[in-house]
Protein backbone atom coordinates (compact mmCIF):
# COMPACT_ATOMS: atom_id res chain seq x y z
CA MET A 1 31.16 -35.76 -76.77
CA PRO A 2 31.29 -31.84 -76.29
CA GLU A 3 32.10 -29.62 -79.34
CA GLY A 4 35.87 -29.73 -80.33
CA GLU A 5 37.54 -26.57 -79.51
CA LEU A 6 41.12 -24.65 -79.86
CA ALA A 7 42.79 -23.50 -76.79
CA ILE A 8 45.72 -21.36 -77.83
CA VAL A 9 48.52 -21.07 -75.01
CA LEU A 10 51.00 -18.45 -75.25
CA HIS A 11 53.76 -18.64 -73.03
CA THR A 12 55.79 -15.19 -72.45
CA HIS A 13 59.07 -15.91 -70.83
CA MET A 14 62.41 -14.17 -70.76
CA PRO A 15 65.74 -15.56 -68.89
CA TYR A 16 66.78 -13.19 -66.28
CA VAL A 17 69.23 -10.70 -68.46
CA GLU A 18 68.39 -7.45 -66.54
CA GLY A 19 71.64 -6.06 -65.59
CA PHE A 20 73.82 -8.76 -67.04
CA GLY A 21 75.38 -7.46 -70.13
CA THR A 22 73.90 -5.92 -73.59
CA TRP A 23 75.17 -6.67 -76.76
CA PRO A 24 75.46 -9.39 -78.22
CA PHE A 25 73.59 -11.19 -75.30
CA GLY A 26 71.92 -9.91 -72.24
CA GLU A 27 69.19 -7.05 -72.03
CA GLU A 28 68.98 -6.47 -75.49
CA TRP A 29 67.19 -9.81 -75.90
CA LEU A 30 64.74 -8.26 -73.44
CA TRP A 31 64.51 -5.00 -75.39
CA GLU A 32 63.85 -6.70 -78.49
CA ALA A 33 61.28 -8.70 -77.18
CA ILE A 34 59.49 -5.58 -75.79
CA ALA A 35 59.54 -4.00 -79.01
CA SER A 36 58.77 -6.55 -81.43
CA SER A 37 56.52 -9.07 -79.68
CA TYR A 38 54.82 -7.84 -76.37
CA VAL A 39 53.99 -4.03 -77.57
CA PRO A 40 52.60 -5.28 -80.79
CA LEU A 41 50.42 -8.07 -78.93
CA LEU A 42 49.37 -5.96 -76.11
CA LYS A 43 48.04 -3.68 -78.88
CA LEU A 44 46.25 -6.52 -80.51
CA PHE A 45 44.79 -7.41 -77.24
CA ASP A 46 43.90 -4.25 -75.83
CA ALA A 47 41.79 -3.52 -79.20
CA ARG A 48 39.73 -6.61 -78.31
CA GLY A 49 39.52 -5.91 -74.45
CA SER A 50 40.63 -8.21 -71.61
CA GLU A 51 37.34 -9.98 -71.44
CA ALA A 52 37.50 -11.05 -75.10
CA THR A 53 41.20 -11.98 -75.08
CA ARG A 54 40.82 -14.17 -71.98
CA ALA A 55 38.15 -15.94 -73.58
CA GLN A 56 39.83 -16.60 -76.92
CA LEU A 57 43.36 -17.33 -75.62
CA THR A 58 45.50 -18.33 -72.43
CA LEU A 59 48.33 -15.92 -71.84
CA SER A 60 50.89 -17.00 -69.25
CA LEU A 61 53.96 -14.53 -67.94
CA THR A 62 56.77 -16.08 -66.02
CA PRO A 63 57.57 -14.31 -62.77
CA VAL A 64 61.13 -13.92 -63.92
CA LEU A 65 59.77 -11.75 -66.75
CA CYS A 66 57.51 -9.79 -64.56
CA ASP A 67 60.36 -8.84 -62.27
CA GLN A 68 62.45 -7.58 -65.06
CA LEU A 69 59.58 -5.43 -66.35
CA GLU A 70 59.13 -3.87 -62.87
CA ALA A 71 62.58 -3.65 -62.26
CA PRO A 72 63.98 -0.05 -61.38
CA GLY A 73 65.47 1.57 -64.78
CA ALA A 74 64.93 -1.58 -66.75
CA LEU A 75 62.63 -0.16 -69.13
CA GLU A 76 64.14 3.28 -69.15
CA ARG A 77 67.06 1.49 -70.50
CA CYS A 78 64.92 -0.22 -73.22
CA GLN A 79 63.76 3.29 -73.93
CA GLU A 80 67.22 4.85 -74.36
CA PHE A 81 67.83 1.75 -76.74
CA LEU A 82 64.87 2.36 -78.56
CA ARG A 83 65.44 6.00 -79.22
CA THR A 84 69.19 6.23 -79.64
CA ILE A 85 70.47 2.73 -80.78
CA ARG A 86 68.11 1.58 -83.18
CA PRO A 87 67.52 4.58 -85.12
CA GLU A 88 71.61 5.08 -85.55
CA SER A 89 71.95 1.65 -86.76
CA HIS A 90 68.93 1.78 -89.24
CA ARG A 91 70.18 5.08 -90.38
CA LEU A 92 73.53 3.40 -90.95
CA ASP A 93 72.19 0.44 -92.92
CA VAL A 94 69.88 2.87 -94.89
CA GLU A 95 72.79 4.75 -96.01
CA GLY A 96 74.79 1.61 -96.91
CA PHE A 97 72.49 0.13 -99.21
CA ARG A 98 72.00 3.85 -100.93
CA ASP A 99 75.85 3.93 -101.30
CA ILE A 100 75.84 0.85 -103.27
CA GLY A 101 72.75 1.70 -105.22
CA GLU A 102 70.07 -0.97 -103.73
CA ALA A 103 66.98 0.85 -103.28
CA ALA A 104 64.92 -2.13 -102.68
CA PRO A 105 65.41 -2.66 -98.81
CA VAL A 106 65.51 1.01 -98.05
CA ALA A 107 61.83 0.92 -97.41
CA GLU A 108 61.60 -1.83 -95.51
CA LEU A 109 64.62 -0.60 -93.25
CA GLU A 110 62.54 2.83 -92.63
CA ALA A 111 59.47 0.70 -91.65
CA SER A 112 61.29 -1.36 -89.34
CA ALA A 113 63.09 1.91 -87.85
CA ALA A 114 59.35 3.43 -87.37
CA GLN A 115 58.32 0.30 -85.64
CA TYR A 116 60.93 0.79 -83.04
CA ALA A 117 59.88 4.49 -82.66
CA GLU A 118 56.55 3.30 -82.45
CA ALA A 119 57.14 0.85 -79.54
CA ALA A 120 59.07 3.81 -77.58
CA ASP A 121 56.05 5.76 -78.13
CA GLU A 122 54.02 3.08 -76.86
CA LEU A 123 56.04 2.66 -73.86
CA GLU A 124 55.90 6.34 -73.17
CA ARG A 125 52.30 6.32 -73.05
CA LEU A 126 51.72 3.16 -71.00
CA ALA A 127 54.14 4.89 -68.53
CA ALA A 128 52.22 8.05 -68.61
CA GLY A 129 48.68 6.60 -67.85
CA ASP A 130 47.56 4.46 -65.02
CA ARG A 131 49.60 1.25 -66.15
CA GLY A 132 52.92 0.18 -67.38
CA LEU A 133 53.57 -2.57 -70.02
CA LEU A 134 53.87 -5.11 -67.14
CA ALA A 135 50.18 -3.99 -66.14
CA GLY A 136 49.09 -4.22 -69.29
CA LEU A 137 50.28 -7.52 -70.23
CA GLY A 138 48.79 -8.44 -66.75
CA SER A 139 45.11 -7.33 -67.58
CA HIS A 140 45.23 -10.24 -70.12
CA ALA A 141 47.14 -12.95 -68.46
CA THR A 142 45.59 -15.60 -66.32
CA TRP A 143 48.58 -18.28 -66.09
CA THR A 144 51.68 -17.62 -63.79
CA SER A 145 54.95 -20.03 -63.76
CA SER A 146 57.68 -20.91 -61.33
CA ALA A 147 60.03 -18.14 -60.26
CA SER A 148 62.92 -18.33 -62.37
CA HIS A 149 61.74 -21.20 -65.09
CA ALA A 150 63.38 -24.15 -63.57
CA ILE A 151 63.01 -27.68 -64.78
CA LEU A 152 61.28 -28.80 -62.11
CA PRO A 153 61.58 -32.35 -62.25
CA LEU A 154 65.39 -31.93 -61.96
CA LEU A 155 65.20 -30.63 -58.58
CA ALA A 156 66.38 -32.70 -56.03
CA LEU A 157 64.38 -31.43 -52.62
CA GLN A 158 60.73 -30.43 -51.76
CA GLU A 159 62.36 -27.14 -50.33
CA SER A 160 63.42 -26.27 -54.04
CA VAL A 161 60.27 -27.19 -55.55
CA ASP A 162 58.28 -25.12 -53.00
CA LEU A 163 60.87 -22.16 -53.59
CA GLN A 164 60.20 -22.01 -57.11
CA LEU A 165 56.31 -22.53 -56.99
CA HIS A 166 55.48 -20.46 -53.62
CA SER A 167 57.70 -17.46 -54.84
CA GLY A 168 56.43 -17.45 -58.39
CA ILE A 169 52.75 -17.94 -57.34
CA GLY A 170 53.04 -15.45 -54.62
CA GLY A 171 54.65 -12.82 -57.09
CA GLN A 172 51.54 -13.54 -59.16
CA ARG A 173 49.23 -12.83 -56.52
CA GLN A 174 50.94 -9.61 -55.46
CA ARG A 175 51.31 -8.03 -58.75
CA PHE A 176 47.59 -8.99 -60.24
CA GLY A 177 45.48 -9.39 -57.20
CA GLY A 178 44.46 -13.02 -58.02
CA TRP A 179 45.21 -16.28 -59.71
CA ASP A 180 42.78 -19.35 -60.67
CA GLY A 181 44.99 -22.01 -60.76
CA GLY A 182 46.61 -21.99 -63.94
CA PHE A 183 50.09 -22.87 -64.25
CA TRP A 184 52.78 -23.16 -67.03
CA LEU A 185 55.53 -25.89 -66.21
CA PRO A 186 58.80 -24.63 -67.73
CA GLU A 187 59.38 -26.42 -70.98
CA CYS A 188 56.20 -28.50 -70.39
CA ALA A 189 58.66 -30.58 -68.06
CA HIS A 190 56.68 -32.82 -65.75
CA ALA A 191 57.40 -35.87 -63.76
CA PRO A 192 54.87 -37.75 -61.59
CA TRP A 193 56.20 -37.14 -58.24
CA LEU A 194 55.79 -33.40 -58.41
CA ASN A 195 51.87 -33.86 -58.67
CA PRO A 196 51.18 -33.62 -54.93
CA LEU A 197 53.35 -30.68 -54.82
CA LEU A 198 51.73 -28.80 -57.57
CA SER A 199 48.51 -29.52 -56.08
CA GLU A 200 49.39 -28.34 -52.56
CA ALA A 201 50.68 -24.89 -54.13
CA GLY A 202 47.06 -24.08 -55.67
CA ILE A 203 47.72 -25.66 -59.15
CA ARG A 204 44.40 -26.71 -60.83
CA LEU A 205 45.67 -27.31 -64.37
CA THR A 206 48.78 -27.31 -66.63
CA CYS A 207 50.01 -28.37 -69.74
CA VAL A 208 52.40 -31.57 -70.66
CA GLU A 209 53.77 -32.67 -73.63
CA LEU A 210 52.88 -36.62 -73.93
CA THR A 211 53.47 -37.13 -77.61
CA ASN A 212 55.93 -39.96 -76.92
CA GLN A 213 53.38 -41.52 -75.05
CA LEU A 214 50.28 -41.04 -76.70
CA GLY A 215 51.39 -41.06 -80.37
CA LEU A 216 51.55 -38.29 -82.68
CA GLY A 217 48.19 -37.41 -84.04
CA ASP A 218 46.22 -39.55 -81.80
CA VAL A 219 42.77 -38.61 -80.43
CA SER A 220 43.99 -39.08 -77.17
CA ASN A 221 46.24 -35.89 -77.35
CA LEU A 222 42.93 -33.76 -77.37
CA THR A 223 41.66 -35.19 -73.84
CA PRO A 224 42.63 -33.70 -70.67
CA LEU A 225 44.16 -36.11 -68.22
CA GLN A 226 43.13 -35.85 -64.05
CA PRO A 227 45.70 -37.94 -62.23
CA ASP A 228 44.87 -39.04 -58.82
CA ASP A 229 47.21 -37.14 -57.01
CA GLY A 230 47.54 -33.81 -58.92
CA PRO A 231 46.40 -30.92 -61.04
CA ALA A 232 44.62 -31.43 -64.47
CA LEU A 233 47.13 -32.40 -67.14
CA LEU A 234 46.42 -31.14 -70.62
CA PRO A 235 48.67 -32.71 -73.59
CA ILE A 236 49.75 -30.05 -76.10
CA ASP A 237 48.68 -31.07 -79.35
CA ARG A 238 51.95 -31.75 -81.36
CA GLN A 239 50.33 -32.44 -84.64
CA ILE A 240 49.12 -29.01 -84.65
CA ILE A 241 51.74 -27.33 -82.98
CA ASP A 242 54.37 -28.30 -85.69
CA LEU A 243 52.00 -26.42 -88.31
CA ILE A 244 53.68 -23.37 -86.73
CA TRP A 245 56.85 -24.88 -84.88
CA GLY A 246 57.87 -27.39 -86.79
CA ALA A 247 61.18 -27.43 -89.39
CA ASN A 248 58.86 -26.54 -92.02
CA GLY A 249 56.16 -24.46 -90.46
CA PHE A 250 54.52 -21.42 -91.56
CA PRO A 251 57.29 -19.26 -90.34
CA SER A 252 59.84 -20.91 -92.88
CA HIS A 253 57.68 -19.61 -95.81
CA PRO A 254 59.75 -18.21 -98.57
CA VAL A 255 58.08 -14.62 -98.42
CA TYR A 256 58.41 -14.13 -94.59
CA ARG A 257 60.98 -11.84 -93.03
CA SER A 258 64.30 -13.83 -92.63
CA TYR A 259 65.43 -14.11 -89.01
CA HIS A 260 68.81 -15.26 -89.42
CA HIS A 261 69.81 -13.11 -92.77
CA ARG A 262 71.15 -9.82 -91.32
CA THR A 263 72.35 -6.62 -92.11
CA LEU A 264 75.72 -4.93 -91.33
CA HIS A 265 73.81 -3.55 -88.15
CA ASP A 266 71.74 -6.33 -87.46
CA HIS A 267 68.49 -5.67 -89.31
CA HIS A 268 66.21 -7.82 -91.47
CA ALA A 269 66.12 -6.85 -95.09
CA TRP A 270 65.59 -10.13 -96.87
CA ALA A 271 63.13 -12.78 -96.90
CA ASN A 272 63.56 -16.39 -96.41
CA GLY A 273 63.56 -17.59 -99.92
CA GLY A 274 66.43 -15.01 -100.73
CA GLY A 275 65.97 -11.56 -102.48
CA PHE A 276 64.69 -8.33 -100.60
CA TYR A 277 61.70 -8.71 -98.09
CA ASP A 278 58.04 -7.49 -99.39
CA ARG A 279 55.96 -6.72 -96.58
CA GLU A 280 52.51 -7.00 -98.65
CA LYS A 281 53.42 -10.47 -99.77
CA ALA A 282 54.09 -11.53 -96.26
CA ARG A 283 51.00 -9.95 -94.68
CA ALA A 284 49.02 -11.68 -97.54
CA GLN A 285 50.79 -15.01 -96.82
CA ALA A 286 49.97 -14.54 -93.00
CA GLN A 287 46.06 -14.30 -93.85
CA ARG A 288 46.43 -17.61 -96.04
CA ASP A 289 48.25 -19.29 -93.50
CA ALA A 290 45.96 -18.48 -90.58
CA LYS A 291 42.94 -19.86 -92.85
CA GLU A 292 45.13 -22.91 -93.37
CA PHE A 293 45.58 -23.45 -89.75
CA ILE A 294 42.13 -22.87 -88.63
CA GLU A 295 40.79 -25.53 -91.30
CA ALA A 296 43.67 -27.96 -90.03
CA VAL A 297 42.21 -27.41 -86.29
CA LYS A 298 38.52 -27.84 -87.54
CA SER A 299 39.61 -31.24 -89.21
CA ARG A 300 41.47 -32.11 -86.07
CA VAL A 301 38.35 -31.47 -83.68
CA ALA A 302 35.77 -32.63 -86.07
CA ASP A 303 34.85 -35.52 -83.62
CA GLY A 304 35.32 -33.32 -80.31
CA GLY A 305 38.07 -32.81 -78.09
CA LEU A 306 40.36 -30.05 -76.94
CA CYS A 307 43.18 -29.03 -79.16
CA VAL A 308 45.72 -27.31 -77.20
CA CYS A 309 48.18 -25.54 -79.31
CA ALA A 310 50.87 -23.91 -77.38
CA ILE A 311 53.83 -21.71 -78.32
CA ASP A 312 56.21 -19.18 -77.19
CA THR A 313 54.78 -15.81 -77.26
CA GLU A 314 58.33 -14.59 -78.41
CA LEU A 315 57.85 -16.53 -81.67
CA LEU A 316 55.28 -14.19 -82.60
CA GLY A 317 56.93 -10.83 -83.76
CA HIS A 318 60.35 -11.64 -82.52
CA TRP A 319 61.52 -15.06 -84.37
CA TRP A 320 58.50 -14.83 -86.80
CA TYR A 321 58.15 -11.39 -87.87
CA GLU A 322 54.78 -11.77 -89.43
CA GLY A 323 53.28 -13.88 -86.35
CA PRO A 324 51.19 -10.96 -84.74
CA VAL A 325 49.41 -10.41 -88.20
CA TRP A 326 48.99 -14.13 -88.31
CA LEU A 327 47.21 -14.59 -84.83
CA GLU A 328 44.92 -11.63 -85.14
CA ALA A 329 43.76 -13.38 -88.53
CA VAL A 330 43.30 -16.57 -86.40
CA LEU A 331 41.37 -14.83 -83.72
CA ASP A 332 39.24 -12.73 -86.29
CA GLN A 333 38.66 -15.79 -88.68
CA ALA A 334 38.16 -18.69 -86.01
CA ALA A 335 34.49 -17.92 -85.20
CA PRO A 336 33.31 -17.21 -88.88
CA SER A 337 35.01 -20.41 -90.10
CA GLY A 338 33.18 -22.50 -87.41
CA LEU A 339 35.83 -22.69 -85.09
CA THR A 340 35.23 -22.36 -81.37
CA LEU A 341 38.34 -20.78 -79.33
CA THR A 342 38.58 -21.10 -75.69
CA SER A 343 40.81 -20.24 -72.82
CA LEU A 344 42.01 -23.00 -70.24
CA ASP A 345 40.23 -22.75 -67.16
CA GLU A 346 37.87 -24.78 -64.62
CA SER A 347 34.96 -24.26 -67.34
CA THR A 348 36.59 -25.77 -69.97
CA LEU A 349 37.75 -28.90 -67.68
CA GLU A 350 34.04 -29.07 -67.15
CA ARG A 351 33.21 -29.02 -70.92
CA HIS A 352 35.93 -31.44 -71.75
CA GLY A 353 35.91 -33.56 -68.52
CA PRO A 354 39.07 -35.23 -67.89
CA LEU A 355 39.90 -38.91 -68.05
CA PRO A 356 41.06 -40.23 -64.46
CA ILE A 357 44.36 -41.58 -64.68
CA ARG A 358 46.75 -43.16 -62.23
CA SER A 359 50.28 -41.20 -61.91
CA SER A 360 51.91 -44.47 -62.17
CA GLN A 361 50.55 -44.64 -65.76
CA LEU A 362 52.35 -41.24 -66.88
CA PRO A 363 56.15 -41.26 -68.11
CA ALA A 364 58.69 -41.10 -65.40
CA ALA A 365 59.58 -37.54 -66.97
CA SER A 366 58.54 -35.79 -70.12
CA SER A 367 59.10 -32.27 -71.76
CA TRP A 368 58.56 -30.24 -74.87
CA GLY A 369 62.63 -30.48 -75.18
CA GLU A 370 64.47 -32.74 -77.68
CA ALA A 371 62.83 -36.35 -78.15
CA GLY A 372 60.45 -35.41 -75.17
CA ASP A 373 62.45 -36.23 -72.28
CA LEU A 374 65.04 -34.00 -70.30
CA ARG A 375 68.15 -34.56 -72.47
CA THR A 376 67.99 -30.82 -73.44
CA TRP A 377 68.83 -30.07 -69.81
CA THR A 378 70.94 -33.15 -68.80
CA GLY A 379 72.74 -34.42 -71.79
CA PRO A 380 76.25 -34.84 -72.41
CA GLN A 381 76.72 -31.29 -73.76
CA VAL A 382 75.28 -29.87 -70.59
CA ALA A 383 75.82 -32.40 -68.10
CA ASP A 384 78.34 -29.92 -66.29
CA LEU A 385 75.55 -27.32 -65.70
CA ALA A 386 73.18 -29.92 -64.49
CA TRP A 387 75.58 -31.21 -61.96
CA GLN A 388 76.55 -27.66 -61.00
CA ALA A 389 72.79 -26.68 -60.54
CA ARG A 390 72.20 -29.92 -58.32
CA THR A 391 75.42 -29.41 -56.12
CA ALA A 392 74.42 -25.91 -55.35
CA GLU A 393 70.73 -26.80 -54.52
CA LEU A 394 72.26 -29.31 -51.71
CA ARG A 395 74.81 -26.95 -50.43
CA THR A 396 71.90 -24.63 -50.09
CA PHE A 397 69.31 -26.58 -48.13
CA LEU A 398 71.01 -29.06 -46.27
CA GLY A 399 73.83 -29.47 -43.39
CA ARG A 400 72.90 -25.98 -42.13
CA ASP A 401 72.70 -24.43 -38.98
CA VAL A 402 70.72 -21.70 -40.35
CA PRO A 403 68.32 -20.93 -43.12
CA PRO A 404 69.85 -19.72 -46.33
CA SER A 405 69.58 -15.92 -46.68
CA ALA A 406 67.32 -14.38 -49.05
CA ARG A 407 70.33 -13.23 -51.03
CA ALA A 408 71.53 -17.15 -51.53
CA LEU A 409 67.94 -18.06 -52.25
CA ARG A 410 67.79 -15.34 -55.04
CA GLU A 411 71.24 -16.66 -56.64
CA LEU A 412 69.92 -20.27 -56.63
CA LEU A 413 66.89 -19.31 -58.14
CA ALA A 414 68.91 -17.77 -60.95
CA LEU A 415 71.28 -20.46 -61.21
CA GLN A 416 68.08 -23.23 -61.84
CA SER A 417 66.82 -21.32 -64.62
CA SER A 418 66.45 -23.78 -67.63
CA ASP A 419 67.84 -21.34 -70.38
CA TRP A 420 71.24 -21.78 -69.28
CA ALA A 421 71.24 -24.97 -70.10
CA PHE A 422 68.85 -24.81 -73.21
CA LEU A 423 71.17 -21.85 -74.73
CA ALA A 424 74.34 -24.10 -74.48
CA TYR A 425 72.71 -27.35 -75.91
CA ARG A 426 71.63 -25.55 -78.94
CA ASP A 427 74.83 -23.33 -78.82
CA TRP A 428 72.98 -20.33 -79.52
CA ALA A 429 74.79 -17.77 -77.13
CA GLY A 430 78.75 -18.69 -77.10
CA ASP A 431 79.86 -18.77 -73.54
CA TYR A 432 77.19 -16.58 -72.07
CA PRO A 433 74.94 -19.27 -70.50
CA ARG A 434 77.89 -20.78 -68.81
CA GLN A 435 79.30 -17.31 -67.86
CA ARG A 436 75.82 -16.79 -66.33
CA ALA A 437 75.52 -20.18 -64.38
CA SER A 438 79.13 -20.06 -63.20
CA GLY A 439 78.66 -16.62 -61.87
CA HIS A 440 75.47 -17.24 -59.90
CA ALA A 441 77.34 -20.57 -58.40
CA ALA A 442 80.02 -18.29 -57.34
CA GLN A 443 77.61 -15.78 -55.83
CA LEU A 444 75.45 -18.19 -54.07
CA ALA A 445 78.75 -19.70 -52.46
CA ARG A 446 79.36 -16.20 -51.36
CA ALA A 447 76.08 -15.76 -50.03
CA LEU A 448 76.15 -19.09 -48.01
CA ARG A 449 79.58 -17.96 -46.27
CA GLY A 450 77.80 -15.07 -45.00
CA GLU A 451 78.92 -12.30 -47.21
CA THR A 452 76.30 -9.52 -47.61
CA GLU A 453 77.14 -7.30 -50.54
CA GLU A 454 74.54 -6.22 -52.49
CA PRO A 455 73.20 -9.30 -54.56
CA HIS A 456 73.44 -9.05 -58.53
CA VAL A 457 69.93 -10.23 -58.88
CA ARG A 458 68.30 -8.02 -56.40
CA ASN A 459 65.36 -7.65 -58.80
CA LEU A 460 64.84 -11.35 -58.78
CA ALA A 461 61.72 -12.73 -56.95
CA PRO A 462 61.18 -9.31 -55.26
CA TYR A 463 58.35 -10.89 -53.21
CA LEU A 464 60.77 -13.52 -51.71
CA ASP A 465 60.84 -12.00 -48.30
CA GLU A 466 56.97 -11.23 -47.91
């Protein structure tokens, strides 16, 4: 049996918010992710170099995120936000705490303001050099995804699946010059009938969530699978992922900075356990959590196997403020602690030979959503969104004398995003997700009628016409 290894997969994604509002929902999500996650992580990756980073972890970039990072004016608006709004909002909070005699949070707020300024400086440096933020991230990324992060098992027609796959993969090749077949299934949503279509698109390996079928903690979660008609399927290891992502995972530790307890101007000055945040205590805890994580994985793969730990990139820095510190400690401490890190590619599959399996043995549908099925995107709370997207898909491709226009296809891609149902299911963004979905459905209907005004999503899937 081959030596046990850990594959950290960072799935980097942002719904298409470029040009669709700012506060409290919209482009500000992207700007915050840039400042708190993408820039700090790029600095970490650059310090190691692309070759070392690609050897230690797998970074995926969704095409819809890439679309926004290269959209004309998007990063300029981000700079304006970082240079004007954030300094002023921090200043107002600092003055407010000083007025009531609270000195403890002032230092943290000043440090937070400095981090936003540093992110703005870094964006300027990247833009002034031979690469911008997107090129920087792309130099470390090896995996791509579907065009707009659709739940592929919910698509009704092969035309829709092909549109999502070929547009997304085509954008990857256009931007970064190549692709080796690594593909992130949005929300790990898989159905066996997709396998031939994935293979036909050139996909060689992808991650799936099979905990319900294999059993939490079962060693079978550590073995890649090779269906008879599709790419290799890499089960993610929920037992290890829950150390980070679970309700009582590392980010919930009392000393870490609270994401939910915010100041009047939307900053973070408190710890999870109450009281004001202490940066040094939190950084020390991140080191301890990294050590605990490494020891847990070593135990998990003591008898061999491939442990796939997949998380959203935005968790690191944006949701879990200390996440980049934790990741850096894991990358630094793994080898000295006797744990081998690996990326997910063909060579990894050669070391951990996939187990042949018939597609009929796989669950009819699976995901890393609630209960491991598709209810997050189809349940009663969001059935209207699922029905709206399905109806729009059928109207786009069926019973038409001429092919749908590029404008119509872009509106369909935007409508098919998994994010609208996810946000509505979690009730995290008020009416915003339904407004977005209904807006794209209305724009799609206009495009199908032949209206030709400039599309709202003109920067989505820019390589669609090529």
